Full PDB file with SEQRES, HELIX, SHEET, SSBOND, CRYST1, ORIGX, SCALE, CONECT and MASTER records, all heavy atoms in Angstrom:
SEQRES   1 A   38  THR CYS LYS ASN THR ALA LEU GLU LEU LEU LYS GLY LYS          
SEQRES   2 A   38  VAL SER ASP SER MET SER TYR GLY GLU PHE TYR SER VAL          
SEQRES   3 A   38  GLU LEU PHE GLU GLU ILE LYS LYS ASP ILE ASN TYR              
HELIX    1 AA1 CYS A    2  LYS A   11  1                                  10    
HELIX    2 AA2 TYR A   20  TYR A   24  1                                   5    
HELIX    3 AA3 VAL A   26  ILE A   36  1                                  11    
CRYST1    1.000    1.000    1.000  90.00  90.00  90.00 P 1           1          
ORIGX1      1.000000  0.000000  0.000000        0.00000                         
ORIGX2      0.000000  1.000000  0.000000        0.00000                         
ORIGX3      0.000000  0.000000  1.000000        0.00000                         
SCALE1      1.000000  0.000000  0.000000        0.00000                         
SCALE2      0.000000  1.000000  0.000000        0.00000                         
SCALE3      0.000000  0.000000  1.000000        0.00000                         
ATOM      1  N   THR A   1     -17.859 200.122  54.005  1.00  0.00           N  
ATOM      2  CA  THR A   1     -17.929 200.398  52.564  1.00  0.00           C  
ATOM      3  C   THR A   1     -16.572 200.209  51.902  1.00  0.00           C  
ATOM      4  O   THR A   1     -16.466 199.596  50.832  1.00  0.00           O  
ATOM      5  CB  THR A   1     -18.458 201.825  52.319  1.00  0.00           C  
ATOM      6  OG1 THR A   1     -19.771 201.941  52.894  1.00  0.00           O  
ATOM      7  CG2 THR A   1     -18.535 202.138  50.831  1.00  0.00           C  
ATOM      8  N   CYS A   2     -15.516 200.731  52.542  1.00  0.00           N  
ATOM      9  CA  CYS A   2     -14.165 200.561  51.989  1.00  0.00           C  
ATOM     10  C   CYS A   2     -13.791 199.079  51.898  1.00  0.00           C  
ATOM     11  O   CYS A   2     -13.308 198.608  50.855  1.00  0.00           O  
ATOM     12  CB  CYS A   2     -13.140 201.295  52.856  1.00  0.00           C  
ATOM     13  SG  CYS A   2     -13.206 203.085  52.757  1.00  0.00           S  
ATOM     14  N   LYS A   3     -14.014 198.352  52.972  1.00  0.00           N  
ATOM     15  CA  LYS A   3     -13.617 196.943  53.025  1.00  0.00           C  
ATOM     16  C   LYS A   3     -14.382 196.109  52.002  1.00  0.00           C  
ATOM     17  O   LYS A   3     -13.777 195.356  51.216  1.00  0.00           O  
ATOM     18  CB  LYS A   3     -13.871 196.398  54.431  1.00  0.00           C  
ATOM     19  CG  LYS A   3     -13.574 194.914  54.574  1.00  0.00           C  
ATOM     20  CD  LYS A   3     -14.028 194.382  55.927  1.00  0.00           C  
ATOM     21  CE  LYS A   3     -13.879 192.868  55.987  1.00  0.00           C  
ATOM     22  NZ  LYS A   3     -14.387 192.302  57.255  1.00  0.00           N  
ATOM     23  N   ASN A   4     -15.698 196.214  51.984  1.00  0.00           N  
ATOM     24  CA  ASN A   4     -16.501 195.360  51.098  1.00  0.00           C  
ATOM     25  C   ASN A   4     -16.297 195.723  49.630  1.00  0.00           C  
ATOM     26  O   ASN A   4     -16.287 194.842  48.771  1.00  0.00           O  
ATOM     27  CB  ASN A   4     -17.983 195.477  51.464  1.00  0.00           C  
ATOM     28  CG  ASN A   4     -18.291 194.834  52.806  1.00  0.00           C  
ATOM     29  OD1 ASN A   4     -17.606 193.916  53.241  1.00  0.00           O  
ATOM     30  ND2 ASN A   4     -19.310 195.326  53.492  1.00  0.00           N  
ATOM     31  N   THR A   5     -16.110 197.012  49.354  1.00  0.00           N  
ATOM     32  CA  THR A   5     -15.847 197.429  47.974  1.00  0.00           C  
ATOM     33  C   THR A   5     -14.491 196.914  47.516  1.00  0.00           C  
ATOM     34  O   THR A   5     -14.343 196.424  46.380  1.00  0.00           O  
ATOM     35  CB  THR A   5     -15.901 198.962  47.855  1.00  0.00           C  
ATOM     36  OG1 THR A   5     -17.175 199.428  48.311  1.00  0.00           O  
ATOM     37  CG2 THR A   5     -15.702 199.401  46.417  1.00  0.00           C  
ATOM     38  N   ALA A   6     -13.477 197.008  48.383  1.00  0.00           N  
ATOM     39  CA  ALA A   6     -12.138 196.537  48.035  1.00  0.00           C  
ATOM     40  C   ALA A   6     -12.125 195.022  47.815  1.00  0.00           C  
ATOM     41  O   ALA A   6     -11.504 194.526  46.864  1.00  0.00           O  
ATOM     42  CB  ALA A   6     -11.155 196.915  49.134  1.00  0.00           C  
ATOM     43  N   LEU A   7     -12.803 194.279  48.687  1.00  0.00           N  
ATOM     44  CA  LEU A   7     -12.852 192.827  48.534  1.00  0.00           C  
ATOM     45  C   LEU A   7     -13.520 192.426  47.224  1.00  0.00           C  
ATOM     46  O   LEU A   7     -13.094 191.479  46.550  1.00  0.00           O  
ATOM     47  CB  LEU A   7     -13.603 192.200  49.711  1.00  0.00           C  
ATOM     48  CG  LEU A   7     -12.858 192.151  51.051  1.00  0.00           C  
ATOM     49  CD1 LEU A   7     -13.769 191.656  52.164  1.00  0.00           C  
ATOM     50  CD2 LEU A   7     -11.626 191.250  50.941  1.00  0.00           C  
ATOM     51  N   GLU A   8     -14.546 193.161  46.853  1.00  0.00           N  
ATOM     52  CA  GLU A   8     -15.242 192.845  45.604  1.00  0.00           C  
ATOM     53  C   GLU A   8     -14.370 193.144  44.387  1.00  0.00           C  
ATOM     54  O   GLU A   8     -14.323 192.371  43.431  1.00  0.00           O  
ATOM     55  CB  GLU A   8     -16.549 193.645  45.530  1.00  0.00           C  
ATOM     56  CG  GLU A   8     -17.425 193.262  44.351  1.00  0.00           C  
ATOM     57  CD  GLU A   8     -18.787 193.934  44.382  1.00  0.00           C  
ATOM     58  OE1 GLU A   8     -19.124 194.542  45.419  1.00  0.00           O  
ATOM     59  OE2 GLU A   8     -19.488 193.856  43.368  1.00  0.00           O  
ATOM     60  N   LEU A   9     -13.651 194.269  44.428  1.00  0.00           N  
ATOM     61  CA  LEU A   9     -12.821 194.667  43.294  1.00  0.00           C  
ATOM     62  C   LEU A   9     -11.561 193.814  43.177  1.00  0.00           C  
ATOM     63  O   LEU A   9     -11.177 193.398  42.080  1.00  0.00           O  
ATOM     64  CB  LEU A   9     -12.424 196.137  43.437  1.00  0.00           C  
ATOM     65  CG  LEU A   9     -13.517 197.181  43.182  1.00  0.00           C  
ATOM     66  CD1 LEU A   9     -13.006 198.567  43.512  1.00  0.00           C  
ATOM     67  CD2 LEU A   9     -13.972 197.127  41.724  1.00  0.00           C  
ATOM     68  N   LEU A  10     -10.911 193.556  44.312  1.00  0.00           N  
ATOM     69  CA  LEU A  10      -9.611 192.900  44.286  1.00  0.00           C  
ATOM     70  C   LEU A  10      -9.693 191.381  44.283  1.00  0.00           C  
ATOM     71  O   LEU A  10      -8.846 190.707  43.695  1.00  0.00           O  
ATOM     72  CB  LEU A  10      -8.773 193.360  45.483  1.00  0.00           C  
ATOM     73  CG  LEU A  10      -8.493 194.877  45.556  1.00  0.00           C  
ATOM     74  CD1 LEU A  10      -7.734 195.214  46.834  1.00  0.00           C  
ATOM     75  CD2 LEU A  10      -7.711 195.335  44.331  1.00  0.00           C  
ATOM     76  N   LYS A  11     -10.712 190.836  44.958  1.00  0.00           N  
ATOM     77  CA  LYS A  11     -10.808 189.381  45.090  1.00  0.00           C  
ATOM     78  C   LYS A  11     -12.089 188.798  44.507  1.00  0.00           C  
ATOM     79  O   LYS A  11     -12.273 187.586  44.508  1.00  0.00           O  
ATOM     80  CB  LYS A  11     -10.696 188.986  46.567  1.00  0.00           C  
ATOM     81  CG  LYS A  11      -9.334 189.308  47.181  1.00  0.00           C  
ATOM     82  CD  LYS A  11      -9.232 188.742  48.594  1.00  0.00           C  
ATOM     83  CE  LYS A  11      -7.846 188.968  49.171  1.00  0.00           C  
ATOM     84  NZ  LYS A  11      -7.720 188.384  50.533  1.00  0.00           N  
ATOM     85  N   GLY A  12     -12.970 189.673  44.024  1.00  0.00           N  
ATOM     86  CA  GLY A  12     -14.241 189.194  43.487  1.00  0.00           C  
ATOM     87  C   GLY A  12     -15.156 188.620  44.552  1.00  0.00           C  
ATOM     88  O   GLY A  12     -16.087 187.868  44.242  1.00  0.00           O  
ATOM     89  N   LYS A  13     -14.886 188.948  45.802  1.00  0.00           N  
ATOM     90  CA  LYS A  13     -15.676 188.427  46.919  1.00  0.00           C  
ATOM     91  C   LYS A  13     -16.804 189.397  47.248  1.00  0.00           C  
ATOM     92  O   LYS A  13     -16.560 190.508  47.708  1.00  0.00           O  
ATOM     93  CB  LYS A  13     -14.784 188.231  48.147  1.00  0.00           C  
ATOM     94  CG  LYS A  13     -15.500 187.588  49.324  1.00  0.00           C  
ATOM     95  CD  LYS A  13     -14.537 187.401  50.498  1.00  0.00           C  
ATOM     96  CE  LYS A  13     -15.255 186.797  51.700  1.00  0.00           C  
ATOM     97  NZ  LYS A  13     -14.344 186.631  52.865  1.00  0.00           N  
ATOM     98  N   VAL A  14     -18.030 188.991  46.989  1.00  0.00           N  
ATOM     99  CA  VAL A  14     -19.196 189.847  47.231  1.00  0.00           C  
ATOM    100  C   VAL A  14     -19.676 189.645  48.662  1.00  0.00           C  
ATOM    101  O   VAL A  14     -19.852 188.513  49.123  1.00  0.00           O  
ATOM    102  CB  VAL A  14     -20.330 189.528  46.238  1.00  0.00           C  
ATOM    103  CG1 VAL A  14     -21.541 190.411  46.518  1.00  0.00           C  
ATOM    104  CG2 VAL A  14     -19.843 189.737  44.804  1.00  0.00           C  
ATOM    105  N   SER A  15     -19.897 190.743  49.361  1.00  0.00           N  
ATOM    106  CA  SER A  15     -20.318 190.678  50.759  1.00  0.00           C  
ATOM    107  C   SER A  15     -21.719 190.093  50.886  1.00  0.00           C  
ATOM    108  O   SER A  15     -22.586 190.315  50.037  1.00  0.00           O  
ATOM    109  CB  SER A  15     -20.288 192.081  51.373  1.00  0.00           C  
ATOM    110  OG  SER A  15     -20.822 192.062  52.679  1.00  0.00           O  
ATOM    111  N   ASP A  16     -21.922 189.356  51.962  1.00  0.00           N  
ATOM    112  CA  ASP A  16     -23.250 188.833  52.256  1.00  0.00           C  
ATOM    113  C   ASP A  16     -24.155 189.923  52.833  1.00  0.00           C  
ATOM    114  O   ASP A  16     -25.372 189.806  52.811  1.00  0.00           O  
ATOM    115  CB  ASP A  16     -23.134 187.675  53.251  1.00  0.00           C  
ATOM    116  CG  ASP A  16     -24.446 186.917  53.412  1.00  0.00           C  
ATOM    117  OD1 ASP A  16     -25.109 186.640  52.390  1.00  0.00           O  
ATOM    118  OD2 ASP A  16     -24.813 186.626  54.567  1.00  0.00           O  
ATOM    119  N   SER A  17     -23.540 190.990  53.353  1.00  0.00           N  
ATOM    120  CA  SER A  17     -24.323 192.107  53.893  1.00  0.00           C  
ATOM    121  C   SER A  17     -24.991 192.868  52.752  1.00  0.00           C  
ATOM    122  O   SER A  17     -24.500 192.895  51.626  1.00  0.00           O  
ATOM    123  CB  SER A  17     -23.419 193.065  54.671  1.00  0.00           C  
ATOM    124  OG  SER A  17     -22.805 192.415  55.756  1.00  0.00           O  
ATOM    125  N   MET A  18     -26.113 193.486  53.055  1.00  0.00           N  
ATOM    126  CA  MET A  18     -26.817 194.286  52.059  1.00  0.00           C  
ATOM    127  C   MET A  18     -26.287 195.718  52.046  1.00  0.00           C  
ATOM    128  O   MET A  18     -26.013 196.294  53.102  1.00  0.00           O  
ATOM    129  CB  MET A  18     -28.313 194.336  52.361  1.00  0.00           C  
ATOM    130  CG  MET A  18     -29.034 193.021  52.249  1.00  0.00           C  
ATOM    131  SD  MET A  18     -30.804 193.267  52.557  1.00  0.00           S  
ATOM    132  CE  MET A  18     -31.349 191.562  52.755  1.00  0.00           C  
ATOM    133  N   SER A  19     -26.183 196.262  50.862  1.00  0.00           N  
ATOM    134  CA  SER A  19     -25.863 197.676  50.732  1.00  0.00           C  
ATOM    135  C   SER A  19     -27.136 198.490  50.957  1.00  0.00           C  
ATOM    136  O   SER A  19     -28.239 197.944  51.080  1.00  0.00           O  
ATOM    137  CB  SER A  19     -25.301 197.967  49.342  1.00  0.00           C  
ATOM    138  OG  SER A  19     -26.324 197.785  48.358  1.00  0.00           O  
ATOM    139  N   TYR A  20     -26.982 199.808  50.993  1.00  0.00           N  
ATOM    140  CA  TYR A  20     -28.129 200.704  51.161  1.00  0.00           C  
ATOM    141  C   TYR A  20     -29.184 200.430  50.088  1.00  0.00           C  
ATOM    142  O   TYR A  20     -30.368 200.233  50.387  1.00  0.00           O  
ATOM    143  CB  TYR A  20     -27.652 202.155  51.091  1.00  0.00           C  
ATOM    144  CG  TYR A  20     -28.738 203.198  51.270  1.00  0.00           C  
ATOM    145  CD1 TYR A  20     -28.918 203.820  52.495  1.00  0.00           C  
ATOM    146  CD2 TYR A  20     -29.563 203.586  50.215  1.00  0.00           C  
ATOM    147  CE1 TYR A  20     -29.898 204.791  52.678  1.00  0.00           C  
ATOM    148  CE2 TYR A  20     -30.548 204.549  50.383  1.00  0.00           C  
ATOM    149  CZ  TYR A  20     -30.712 205.148  51.611  1.00  0.00           C  
ATOM    150  OH  TYR A  20     -31.684 206.108  51.776  1.00  0.00           O  
ATOM    151  N   GLY A  21     -28.749 200.394  48.834  1.00  0.00           N  
ATOM    152  CA  GLY A  21     -29.691 200.191  47.734  1.00  0.00           C  
ATOM    153  C   GLY A  21     -30.332 198.818  47.766  1.00  0.00           C  
ATOM    154  O   GLY A  21     -31.525 198.670  47.473  1.00  0.00           O  
ATOM    155  N   GLU A  22     -29.553 197.805  48.126  1.00  0.00           N  
ATOM    156  CA  GLU A  22     -30.090 196.450  48.199  1.00  0.00           C  
ATOM    157  C   GLU A  22     -31.110 196.322  49.332  1.00  0.00           C  
ATOM    158  O   GLU A  22     -32.131 195.652  49.180  1.00  0.00           O  
ATOM    159  CB  GLU A  22     -28.945 195.456  48.405  1.00  0.00           C  
ATOM    160  CG  GLU A  22     -28.040 195.322  47.190  1.00  0.00           C  
ATOM    161  CD  GLU A  22     -26.728 194.634  47.510  1.00  0.00           C  
ATOM    162  OE1 GLU A  22     -26.416 194.420  48.708  1.00  0.00           O  
ATOM    163  OE2 GLU A  22     -25.983 194.332  46.557  1.00  0.00           O  
ATOM    164  N   PHE A  23     -30.819 196.950  50.457  1.00  0.00           N  
ATOM    165  CA  PHE A  23     -31.703 196.849  51.606  1.00  0.00           C  
ATOM    166  C   PHE A  23     -33.107 197.351  51.270  1.00  0.00           C  
ATOM    167  O   PHE A  23     -34.106 196.710  51.596  1.00  0.00           O  
ATOM    168  CB  PHE A  23     -31.125 197.638  52.785  1.00  0.00           C  
ATOM    169  CG  PHE A  23     -31.965 197.582  54.036  1.00  0.00           C  
ATOM    170  CD1 PHE A  23     -31.961 196.462  54.847  1.00  0.00           C  
ATOM    171  CD2 PHE A  23     -32.767 198.652  54.401  1.00  0.00           C  
ATOM    172  CE1 PHE A  23     -32.733 196.400  55.998  1.00  0.00           C  
ATOM    173  CE2 PHE A  23     -33.545 198.611  55.551  1.00  0.00           C  
ATOM    174  CZ  PHE A  23     -33.529 197.481  56.350  1.00  0.00           C  
ATOM    175  N   TYR A  24     -33.189 198.496  50.602  1.00  0.00           N  
ATOM    176  CA  TYR A  24     -34.499 199.076  50.302  1.00  0.00           C  
ATOM    177  C   TYR A  24     -35.080 198.584  48.967  1.00  0.00           C  
ATOM    178  O   TYR A  24     -36.300 198.602  48.790  1.00  0.00           O  
ATOM    179  CB  TYR A  24     -34.417 200.602  50.305  1.00  0.00           C  
ATOM    180  CG  TYR A  24     -34.244 201.193  51.690  1.00  0.00           C  
ATOM    181  CD1 TYR A  24     -33.162 202.013  51.986  1.00  0.00           C  
ATOM    182  CD2 TYR A  24     -35.145 200.920  52.709  1.00  0.00           C  
ATOM    183  CE1 TYR A  24     -33.002 202.563  53.255  1.00  0.00           C  
ATOM    184  CE2 TYR A  24     -34.998 201.457  53.982  1.00  0.00           C  
ATOM    185  CZ  TYR A  24     -33.917 202.282  54.246  1.00  0.00           C  
ATOM    186  OH  TYR A  24     -33.764 202.818  55.504  1.00  0.00           O  
ATOM    187  N   SER A  25     -34.216 198.145  48.034  1.00  0.00           N  
ATOM    188  CA  SER A  25     -34.669 197.549  46.760  1.00  0.00           C  
ATOM    189  C   SER A  25     -35.872 198.282  46.158  1.00  0.00           C  
ATOM    190  O   SER A  25     -36.939 197.702  45.922  1.00  0.00           O  
ATOM    191  CB  SER A  25     -35.000 196.061  46.971  1.00  0.00           C  
ATOM    192  OG  SER A  25     -33.846 195.305  47.238  1.00  0.00           O  
ATOM    193  N   VAL A  26     -35.686 199.557  45.897  1.00  0.00           N  
ATOM    194  CA  VAL A  26     -36.790 200.423  45.455  1.00  0.00           C  
ATOM    195  C   VAL A  26     -37.439 199.917  44.172  1.00  0.00           C  
ATOM    196  O   VAL A  26     -38.682 199.864  44.053  1.00  0.00           O  
ATOM    197  CB  VAL A  26     -36.281 201.872  45.271  1.00  0.00           C  
ATOM    198  CG1 VAL A  26     -37.353 202.733  44.614  1.00  0.00           C  
ATOM    199  CG2 VAL A  26     -35.884 202.457  46.627  1.00  0.00           C  
ATOM    200  N   GLU A  27     -36.631 199.512  43.199  1.00  0.00           N  
ATOM    201  CA  GLU A  27     -37.193 199.093  41.903  1.00  0.00           C  
ATOM    202  C   GLU A  27     -38.058 197.847  42.046  1.00  0.00           C  
ATOM    203  O   GLU A  27     -39.100 197.723  41.383  1.00  0.00           O  
ATOM    204  CB  GLU A  27     -36.061 198.855  40.902  1.00  0.00           C  
ATOM    205  CG  GLU A  27     -35.328 200.133  40.502  1.00  0.00           C  
ATOM    206  CD  GLU A  27     -34.214 199.866  39.520  1.00  0.00           C  
ATOM    207  OE1 GLU A  27     -33.876 198.679  39.293  1.00  0.00           O  
ATOM    208  OE2 GLU A  27     -33.665 200.842  38.969  1.00  0.00           O  
ATOM    209  N   LEU A  28     -37.656 196.933  42.907  1.00  0.00           N  
ATOM    210  CA  LEU A  28     -38.441 195.714  43.122  1.00  0.00           C  
ATOM    211  C   LEU A  28     -39.818 196.056  43.688  1.00  0.00           C  
ATOM    212  O   LEU A  28     -40.849 195.549  43.196  1.00  0.00           O  
ATOM    213  CB  LEU A  28     -37.701 194.769  44.081  1.00  0.00           C  
ATOM    214  CG  LEU A  28     -38.488 193.540  44.559  1.00  0.00           C  
ATOM    215  CD1 LEU A  28     -38.854 192.644  43.383  1.00  0.00           C  
ATOM    216  CD2 LEU A  28     -37.689 192.772  45.615  1.00  0.00           C  
ATOM    217  N   PHE A  29     -39.865 196.908  44.679  1.00  0.00           N  
ATOM    218  CA  PHE A  29     -41.150 197.224  45.309  1.00  0.00           C  
ATOM    219  C   PHE A  29     -42.017 198.124  44.433  1.00  0.00           C  
ATOM    220  O   PHE A  29     -43.252 198.052  44.496  1.00  0.00           O  
ATOM    221  CB  PHE A  29     -40.919 197.814  46.701  1.00  0.00           C  
ATOM    222  CG  PHE A  29     -40.504 196.787  47.696  1.00  0.00           C  
ATOM    223  CD1 PHE A  29     -39.157 196.568  47.980  1.00  0.00           C  
ATOM    224  CD2 PHE A  29     -41.452 195.984  48.319  1.00  0.00           C  
ATOM    225  CE1 PHE A  29     -38.769 195.588  48.874  1.00  0.00           C  
ATOM    226  CE2 PHE A  29     -41.069 194.996  49.220  1.00  0.00           C  
ATOM    227  CZ  PHE A  29     -39.722 194.796  49.497  1.00  0.00           C  
ATOM    228  N   GLU A  30     -41.379 198.928  43.602  1.00  0.00           N  
ATOM    229  CA  GLU A  30     -42.158 199.705  42.628  1.00  0.00           C  
ATOM    230  C   GLU A  30     -42.838 198.764  41.639  1.00  0.00           C  
ATOM    231  O   GLU A  30     -43.989 198.974  41.248  1.00  0.00           O  
ATOM    232  CB  GLU A  30     -41.255 200.700  41.899  1.00  0.00           C  
ATOM    233  CG  GLU A  30     -40.890 201.933  42.709  1.00  0.00           C  
ATOM    234  CD  GLU A  30     -42.117 202.714  43.160  1.00  0.00           C  
ATOM    235  OE1 GLU A  30     -43.011 202.964  42.324  1.00  0.00           O  
ATOM    236  OE2 GLU A  30     -42.192 203.062  44.359  1.00  0.00           O  
ATOM    237  N   GLU A  31     -42.120 197.719  41.260  1.00  0.00           N  
ATOM    238  CA  GLU A  31     -42.684 196.721  40.345  1.00  0.00           C  
ATOM    239  C   GLU A  31     -43.874 196.012  40.988  1.00  0.00           C  
ATOM    240  O   GLU A  31     -44.924 195.808  40.349  1.00  0.00           O  
ATOM    241  CB  GLU A  31     -41.599 195.704  39.976  1.00  0.00           C  
ATOM    242  CG  GLU A  31     -42.076 194.578  39.073  1.00  0.00           C  
ATOM    243  CD  GLU A  31     -41.005 193.526  38.854  1.00  0.00           C  
ATOM    244  OE1 GLU A  31     -39.825 193.907  38.685  1.00  0.00           O  
ATOM    245  OE2 GLU A  31     -41.344 192.329  38.884  1.00  0.00           O  
ATOM    246  N   ILE A  32     -43.725 195.639  42.256  1.00  0.00           N  
ATOM    247  CA  ILE A  32     -44.819 194.962  42.961  1.00  0.00           C  
ATOM    248  C   ILE A  32     -46.032 195.876  43.073  1.00  0.00           C  
ATOM    249  O   ILE A  32     -47.174 195.465  42.797  1.00  0.00           O  
ATOM    250  CB  ILE A  32     -44.359 194.507  44.365  1.00  0.00           C  
ATOM    251  CG1 ILE A  32     -43.224 193.486  44.262  1.00  0.00           C  
ATOM    252  CG2 ILE A  32     -45.534 193.927  45.148  1.00  0.00           C  
ATOM    253  CD1 ILE A  32     -42.591 193.120  45.600  1.00  0.00           C  
ATOM    254  N   LYS A  33     -45.817 197.112  43.471  1.00  0.00           N  
ATOM    255  CA  LYS A  33     -46.922 198.064  43.640  1.00  0.00           C  
ATOM    256  C   LYS A  33     -47.661 198.284  42.315  1.00  0.00           C  
ATOM    257  O   LYS A  33     -48.894 198.353  42.273  1.00  0.00           O  
ATOM    258  CB  LYS A  33     -46.389 199.401  44.169  1.00  0.00           C  
ATOM    259  CG  LYS A  33     -45.987 199.351  45.640  1.00  0.00           C  
ATOM    260  CD  LYS A  33     -45.072 200.490  46.031  1.00  0.00           C  
ATOM    261  CE  LYS A  33     -45.736 201.835  45.873  1.00  0.00           C  
ATOM    262  NZ  LYS A  33     -44.832 202.939  46.287  1.00  0.00           N  
ATOM    263  N   LYS A  34     -46.887 198.358  41.259  1.00  0.00           N  
ATOM    264  CA  LYS A  34     -47.507 198.560  39.945  1.00  0.00           C  
ATOM    265  C   LYS A  34     -48.308 197.324  39.538  1.00  0.00           C  
ATOM    266  O   LYS A  34     -49.414 197.430  38.989  1.00  0.00           O  
ATOM    267  CB  LYS A  34     -46.429 198.863  38.908  1.00  0.00           C  
ATOM    268  CG  LYS A  34     -46.967 199.174  37.529  1.00  0.00           C  
ATOM    269  CD  LYS A  34     -45.831 199.522  36.561  1.00  0.00           C  
ATOM    270  CE  LYS A  34     -46.372 199.806  35.164  1.00  0.00           C  
ATOM    271  NZ  LYS A  34     -45.267 200.121  34.204  1.00  0.00           N  
ATOM    272  N   ASP A  35     -47.766 196.150  39.826  1.00  0.00           N  
ATOM    273  CA  ASP A  35     -48.422 194.911  39.408  1.00  0.00           C  
ATOM    274  C   ASP A  35     -49.756 194.702  40.119  1.00  0.00           C  
ATOM    275  O   ASP A  35     -50.713 194.195  39.535  1.00  0.00           O  
ATOM    276  CB  ASP A  35     -47.488 193.727  39.684  1.00  0.00           C  
ATOM    277  CG  ASP A  35     -48.039 192.416  39.140  1.00  0.00           C  
ATOM    278  OD1 ASP A  35     -48.247 192.328  37.911  1.00  0.00           O  
ATOM    279  OD2 ASP A  35     -48.284 191.498  39.947  1.00  0.00           O  
ATOM    280  N   ILE A  36     -49.831 195.084  41.393  1.00  0.00           N  
ATOM    281  CA  ILE A  36     -51.065 194.856  42.163  1.00  0.00           C  
ATOM    282  C   ILE A  36     -51.941 196.109  42.222  1.00  0.00           C  
ATOM    283  O   ILE A  36     -52.974 196.117  42.895  1.00  0.00           O  
ATOM    284  CB  ILE A  36     -50.751 194.374  43.599  1.00  0.00           C  
ATOM    285  CG1 ILE A  36     -49.995 195.451  44.382  1.00  0.00           C  
ATOM    286  CG2 ILE A  36     -49.987 193.064  43.568  1.00  0.00           C  
ATOM    287  CD1 ILE A  36     -49.758 195.099  45.854  1.00  0.00           C  
ATOM    288  N   ASN A  37     -51.486 197.168  41.528  1.00  0.00           N  
ATOM    289  CA  ASN A  37     -52.211 198.446  41.578  1.00  0.00           C  
ATOM    290  C   ASN A  37     -52.421 198.873  43.029  1.00  0.00           C  
ATOM    291  O   ASN A  37     -53.538 199.125  43.485  1.00  0.00           O  
ATOM    292  CB  ASN A  37     -53.564 198.325  40.856  1.00  0.00           C  
ATOM    293  CG  ASN A  37     -54.248 199.685  40.683  1.00  0.00           C  
ATOM    294  OD1 ASN A  37     -53.574 200.728  40.608  1.00  0.00           O  
ATOM    295  ND2 ASN A  37     -55.564 199.690  40.642  1.00  0.00           N  
ATOM    296  N   TYR A  38     -51.311 198.961  43.734  1.00  0.00           N  
ATOM    297  CA  TYR A  38     -51.344 199.237  45.172  1.00  0.00           C  
ATOM    298  C   TYR A  38     -52.017 200.576  45.467  1.00  0.00           C  
ATOM    299  O   TYR A  38     -51.675 201.597  44.872  1.00  0.00           O  
ATOM    300  CB  TYR A  38     -49.922 199.221  45.743  1.00  0.00           C  
ATOM    301  CG  TYR A  38     -49.872 199.515  47.224  1.00  0.00           C  
ATOM    302  CD1 TYR A  38     -50.303 198.577  48.148  1.00  0.00           C  
ATOM    303  CD2 TYR A  38     -49.425 200.753  47.682  1.00  0.00           C  
ATOM    304  CE1 TYR A  38     -50.281 198.848  49.502  1.00  0.00           C  
ATOM    305  CE2 TYR A  38     -49.394 201.034  49.039  1.00  0.00           C  
ATOM    306  CZ  TYR A  38     -49.823 200.078  49.940  1.00  0.00           C  
ATOM    307  OH  TYR A  38     -49.822 200.361  51.283  1.00  0.00           O  
TER     308      TYR A  38                                                      
MASTER        0    0    0    3    0    0    0    6  307    1    0    3          
END                                                                             
């Protein structure tokens, strides 16, 4: 977390690894569930 956050802030280099929020992408799947009436 320290390394990837620092690289993004100091060099604008975004990590290819997923963060916690990106991995689970809650809003995306909520949208899908709502669209298909899961």
